[in-house]
Amino acid sequence: MALANPGGRRKVEIVQWVEHLQKKGVTPRQMEVIHEALKGLSEKDIAARLSISPTTVNTHLKNIYRKLGVNSRLQLFAKMNDGNHRF
């Protein structure tokens, strides 16, 4: 009997998301901002973790939203969780 491997499935989903984000033109630095934002960090906290200014974080977020066709962090979270990679 084979055991389910949800961790392996999750890795596949993450790889698919990274590939999808790359196709949409999201830069590696913007992916770092997304990663920190998905943790629920504020712009100020993201800036401190990435050693950039809060203004730069906001610029990255605006560019991410534009590239992915969303208007807010809430919409970004919803898109990241819907599992169909359609933006």
N, C-alpha and C. Protein backbone atom coordinates (compact mmCIF):
# COMPACT_ATOMS: atom_id res chain seq x y z
N MET A 1 0.84 -1.18 0.00
CA MET A 1 0.00 0.00 0.00
C MET A 1 0.89 1.24 0.00
N ALA A 2 0.64 2.14 -0.92
CA ALA A 2 1.39 3.39 -1.01
C ALA A 2 0.79 4.42 -0.06
N LEU A 3 1.65 5.15 0.59
CA LEU A 3 1.19 6.21 1.48
C LEU A 3 1.10 7.52 0.72
N ALA A 4 0.14 8.32 1.07
CA ALA A 4 0.00 9.64 0.45
C ALA A 4 1.19 10.49 0.85
N ASN A 5 1.61 11.35 -0.03
CA ASN A 5 2.74 12.23 0.24
C ASN A 5 2.32 13.68 0.00
N PRO A 6 1.56 14.25 0.98
CA PRO A 6 1.11 15.63 0.77
C PRO A 6 2.26 16.62 0.65
N GLY A 7 3.38 16.35 1.32
CA GLY A 7 4.53 17.24 1.21
C GLY A 7 5.08 17.27 -0.20
N GLY A 8 5.11 16.11 -0.85
CA GLY A 8 5.57 16.03 -2.24
C GLY A 8 4.64 16.75 -3.17
N ARG A 9 3.34 16.62 -2.92
CA ARG A 9 2.34 17.31 -3.72
C ARG A 9 2.51 18.82 -3.57
N ARG A 10 2.78 19.26 -2.36
CA ARG A 10 2.96 20.69 -2.10
C ARG A 10 4.17 21.23 -2.86
N LYS A 11 5.25 20.43 -2.91
CA LYS A 11 6.44 20.87 -3.63
C LYS A 11 6.13 21.06 -5.11
N VAL A 12 5.33 20.16 -5.67
CA VAL A 12 4.94 20.27 -7.07
C VAL A 12 4.15 21.55 -7.28
N GLU A 13 3.22 21.85 -6.37
CA GLU A 13 2.42 23.08 -6.48
C GLU A 13 3.32 24.31 -6.43
N ILE A 14 4.30 24.31 -5.55
CA ILE A 14 5.19 25.46 -5.42
C ILE A 14 5.99 25.65 -6.71
N VAL A 15 6.52 24.55 -7.25
CA VAL A 15 7.27 24.64 -8.51
C VAL A 15 6.38 25.17 -9.62
N GLN A 16 5.13 24.70 -9.68
CA GLN A 16 4.20 25.19 -10.70
C GLN A 16 3.95 26.68 -10.53
N TRP A 17 3.81 27.14 -9.28
CA TRP A 17 3.58 28.57 -9.04
C TRP A 17 4.78 29.40 -9.46
N VAL A 18 5.97 28.93 -9.13
CA VAL A 18 7.18 29.68 -9.50
C VAL A 18 7.26 29.79 -11.02
N GLU A 19 7.02 28.68 -11.72
CA GLU A 19 7.04 28.71 -13.19
C GLU A 19 5.98 29.67 -13.73
N HIS A 20 4.80 29.63 -13.14
CA HIS A 20 3.72 30.51 -13.58
C HIS A 20 4.09 31.98 -13.36
N LEU A 21 4.63 32.29 -12.19
CA LEU A 21 5.02 33.66 -11.89
C LEU A 21 6.11 34.14 -12.83
N GLN A 22 7.06 33.27 -13.14
CA GLN A 22 8.12 33.63 -14.09
C GLN A 22 7.53 33.95 -15.46
N LYS A 23 6.57 33.15 -15.91
CA LYS A 23 5.93 33.40 -17.20
C LYS A 23 5.20 34.73 -17.22
N LYS A 24 4.70 35.15 -16.07
CA LYS A 24 4.00 36.43 -15.97
C LYS A 24 4.98 37.60 -15.83
N GLY A 25 6.27 37.32 -15.77
CA GLY A 25 7.27 38.38 -15.69
C GLY A 25 7.62 38.81 -14.28
N VAL A 26 7.22 38.04 -13.28
CA VAL A 26 7.55 38.37 -11.89
C VAL A 26 9.03 38.07 -11.68
N THR A 27 9.75 39.06 -11.16
CA THR A 27 11.19 38.91 -10.96
C THR A 27 11.48 38.10 -9.69
N PRO A 28 12.70 37.60 -9.57
CA PRO A 28 13.06 36.89 -8.33
C PRO A 28 12.86 37.76 -7.08
N ARG A 29 13.18 39.04 -7.16
CA ARG A 29 13.01 39.92 -6.00
C ARG A 29 11.52 40.09 -5.68
N GLN A 30 10.70 40.21 -6.71
CA GLN A 30 9.26 40.30 -6.48
C GLN A 30 8.73 39.02 -5.86
N MET A 31 9.30 37.87 -6.24
CA MET A 31 8.89 36.60 -5.61
C MET A 31 9.23 36.60 -4.13
N GLU A 32 10.37 37.19 -3.79
CA GLU A 32 10.73 37.31 -2.37
C GLU A 32 9.70 38.16 -1.63
N VAL A 33 9.27 39.25 -2.25
CA VAL A 33 8.26 40.12 -1.64
C VAL A 33 6.96 39.35 -1.48
N ILE A 34 6.55 38.59 -2.49
CA ILE A 34 5.33 37.78 -2.39
C ILE A 34 5.46 36.81 -1.23
N HIS A 35 6.60 36.14 -1.14
CA HIS A 35 6.82 35.15 -0.08
C HIS A 35 6.64 35.79 1.31
N GLU A 36 7.22 36.95 1.50
CA GLU A 36 7.10 37.63 2.79
C GLU A 36 5.67 38.14 3.02
N ALA A 37 5.05 38.65 1.96
CA ALA A 37 3.67 39.14 2.09
C ALA A 37 2.73 38.01 2.46
N LEU A 38 2.96 36.81 1.90
CA LEU A 38 2.10 35.67 2.21
C LEU A 38 2.23 35.23 3.66
N LYS A 39 3.31 35.64 4.30
CA LYS A 39 3.48 35.37 5.73
C LYS A 39 2.67 36.36 6.58
N GLY A 40 2.09 37.37 5.91
CA GLY A 40 1.29 38.36 6.62
C GLY A 40 2.09 39.55 7.15
N LEU A 41 3.32 39.69 6.67
CA LEU A 41 4.16 40.79 7.15
C LEU A 41 3.71 42.12 6.56
N SER A 42 3.91 43.17 7.32
CA SER A 42 3.62 44.52 6.84
C SER A 42 4.71 44.95 5.85
N GLU A 43 4.43 46.02 5.12
CA GLU A 43 5.43 46.55 4.19
C GLU A 43 6.72 46.90 4.93
N LYS A 44 6.57 47.48 6.11
CA LYS A 44 7.74 47.86 6.92
C LYS A 44 8.56 46.62 7.31
N ASP A 45 7.87 45.55 7.73
CA ASP A 45 8.57 44.33 8.12
C ASP A 45 9.22 43.63 6.93
N ILE A 46 8.52 43.64 5.79
CA ILE A 46 9.10 43.07 4.57
C ILE A 46 10.36 43.84 4.21
N ALA A 47 10.28 45.16 4.28
CA ALA A 47 11.43 46.00 3.96
C ALA A 47 12.63 45.66 4.85
N ALA A 48 12.37 45.51 6.13
CA ALA A 48 13.46 45.20 7.07
C ALA A 48 14.08 43.83 6.75
N ARG A 49 13.25 42.85 6.45
CA ARG A 49 13.76 41.50 6.15
C ARG A 49 14.56 41.46 4.86
N LEU A 50 14.16 42.28 3.88
CA LEU A 50 14.82 42.25 2.58
C LEU A 50 15.85 43.36 2.41
N SER A 51 16.04 44.16 3.45
CA SER A 51 17.01 45.26 3.43
C SER A 51 16.73 46.24 2.29
N ILE A 52 15.46 46.61 2.16
CA ILE A 52 15.04 47.62 1.19
C ILE A 52 14.10 48.58 1.90
N SER A 53 13.74 49.67 1.26
CA SER A 53 12.86 50.64 1.89
C SER A 53 11.39 50.20 1.74
N PRO A 54 10.53 50.67 2.65
CA PRO A 54 9.10 50.38 2.51
C PRO A 54 8.53 50.90 1.19
N THR A 55 9.07 52.01 0.69
CA THR A 55 8.63 52.53 -0.59
C THR A 55 8.94 51.54 -1.71
N THR A 56 10.10 50.92 -1.65
CA THR A 56 10.47 49.92 -2.65
C THR A 56 9.56 48.70 -2.56
N VAL A 57 9.21 48.30 -1.34
CA VAL A 57 8.26 47.19 -1.16
C VAL A 57 6.94 47.54 -1.83
N ASN A 58 6.45 48.75 -1.58
CA ASN A 58 5.18 49.16 -2.20
C ASN A 58 5.27 49.17 -3.72
N THR A 59 6.41 49.61 -4.26
CA THR A 59 6.60 49.59 -5.71
C THR A 59 6.58 48.16 -6.23
N HIS A 60 7.27 47.26 -5.54
CA HIS A 60 7.25 45.85 -5.94
C HIS A 60 5.82 45.31 -5.91
N LEU A 61 5.08 45.60 -4.84
CA LEU A 61 3.71 45.10 -4.74
C LEU A 61 2.83 45.63 -5.87
N LYS A 62 2.95 46.91 -6.18
CA LYS A 62 2.17 47.49 -7.28
C LYS A 62 2.48 46.79 -8.60
N ASN A 63 3.78 46.54 -8.84
CA ASN A 63 4.18 45.85 -10.07
C ASN A 63 3.70 44.41 -10.10
N ILE A 64 3.74 43.75 -8.95
CA ILE A 64 3.23 42.38 -8.84
C ILE A 64 1.73 42.37 -9.16
N TYR A 65 0.99 43.27 -8.55
CA TYR A 65 -0.46 43.33 -8.79
C TYR A 65 -0.75 43.55 -10.27
N ARG A 66 0.00 44.46 -10.89
CA ARG A 66 -0.22 44.75 -12.32
C ARG A 66 0.05 43.51 -13.16
N LYS A 67 1.17 42.85 -12.90
CA LYS A 67 1.54 41.68 -13.68
C LYS A 67 0.55 40.53 -13.52
N LEU A 68 -0.03 40.41 -12.34
CA LEU A 68 -0.93 39.29 -12.06
C LEU A 68 -2.40 39.65 -12.18
N GLY A 69 -2.68 40.90 -12.48
CA GLY A 69 -4.06 41.32 -12.69
C GLY A 69 -4.91 41.34 -11.43
N VAL A 70 -4.29 41.73 -10.32
CA VAL A 70 -5.03 41.87 -9.06
C VAL A 70 -4.87 43.30 -8.57
N ASN A 71 -5.68 43.66 -7.58
CA ASN A 71 -5.65 45.04 -7.08
C ASN A 71 -5.29 45.17 -5.61
N SER A 72 -5.09 44.05 -4.93
CA SER A 72 -4.82 44.12 -3.49
C SER A 72 -4.13 42.85 -3.03
N ARG A 73 -3.62 42.91 -1.82
CA ARG A 73 -3.01 41.74 -1.21
C ARG A 73 -4.03 40.62 -1.04
N LEU A 74 -5.25 41.00 -0.67
CA LEU A 74 -6.30 40.02 -0.50
C LEU A 74 -6.56 39.26 -1.80
N GLN A 75 -6.63 39.98 -2.90
CA GLN A 75 -6.82 39.32 -4.20
C GLN A 75 -5.61 38.46 -4.56
N LEU A 76 -4.41 38.93 -4.24
CA LEU A 76 -3.21 38.15 -4.48
C LEU A 76 -3.27 36.84 -3.70
N PHE A 77 -3.63 36.91 -2.42
CA PHE A 77 -3.73 35.70 -1.59
C PHE A 77 -4.76 34.74 -2.17
N ALA A 78 -5.90 35.28 -2.59
CA ALA A 78 -6.96 34.44 -3.15
C ALA A 78 -6.47 33.73 -4.41
N LYS A 79 -5.76 34.46 -5.28
CA LYS A 79 -5.23 33.86 -6.51
C LYS A 79 -4.19 32.79 -6.20
N MET A 80 -3.35 33.06 -5.22
CA MET A 80 -2.31 32.10 -4.86
C MET A 80 -2.91 30.83 -4.26
N ASN A 81 -4.09 30.94 -3.69
CA ASN A 81 -4.72 29.79 -3.04
C ASN A 81 -5.76 29.08 -3.89
N ASP A 82 -6.11 29.64 -5.04
CA ASP A 82 -7.20 29.00 -5.81
C ASP A 82 -6.74 27.77 -6.57
N GLY A 83 -5.44 27.60 -6.75
CA GLY A 83 -4.90 26.36 -7.30
C GLY A 83 -5.00 26.20 -8.80
N ASN A 84 -5.61 27.12 -9.53
CA ASN A 84 -5.72 26.89 -10.97
C ASN A 84 -4.76 27.75 -11.78
N HIS A 85 -3.96 28.59 -11.14
CA HIS A 85 -2.94 29.39 -11.80
C HIS A 85 -3.46 30.23 -12.95
N ARG A 86 -4.68 30.69 -12.85
CA ARG A 86 -5.24 31.52 -13.93
C ARG A 86 -5.34 32.96 -13.47
N PHE A 87 -4.54 33.79 -14.10
CA PHE A 87 -4.58 35.23 -13.81
C PHE A 87 -5.06 35.94 -15.05
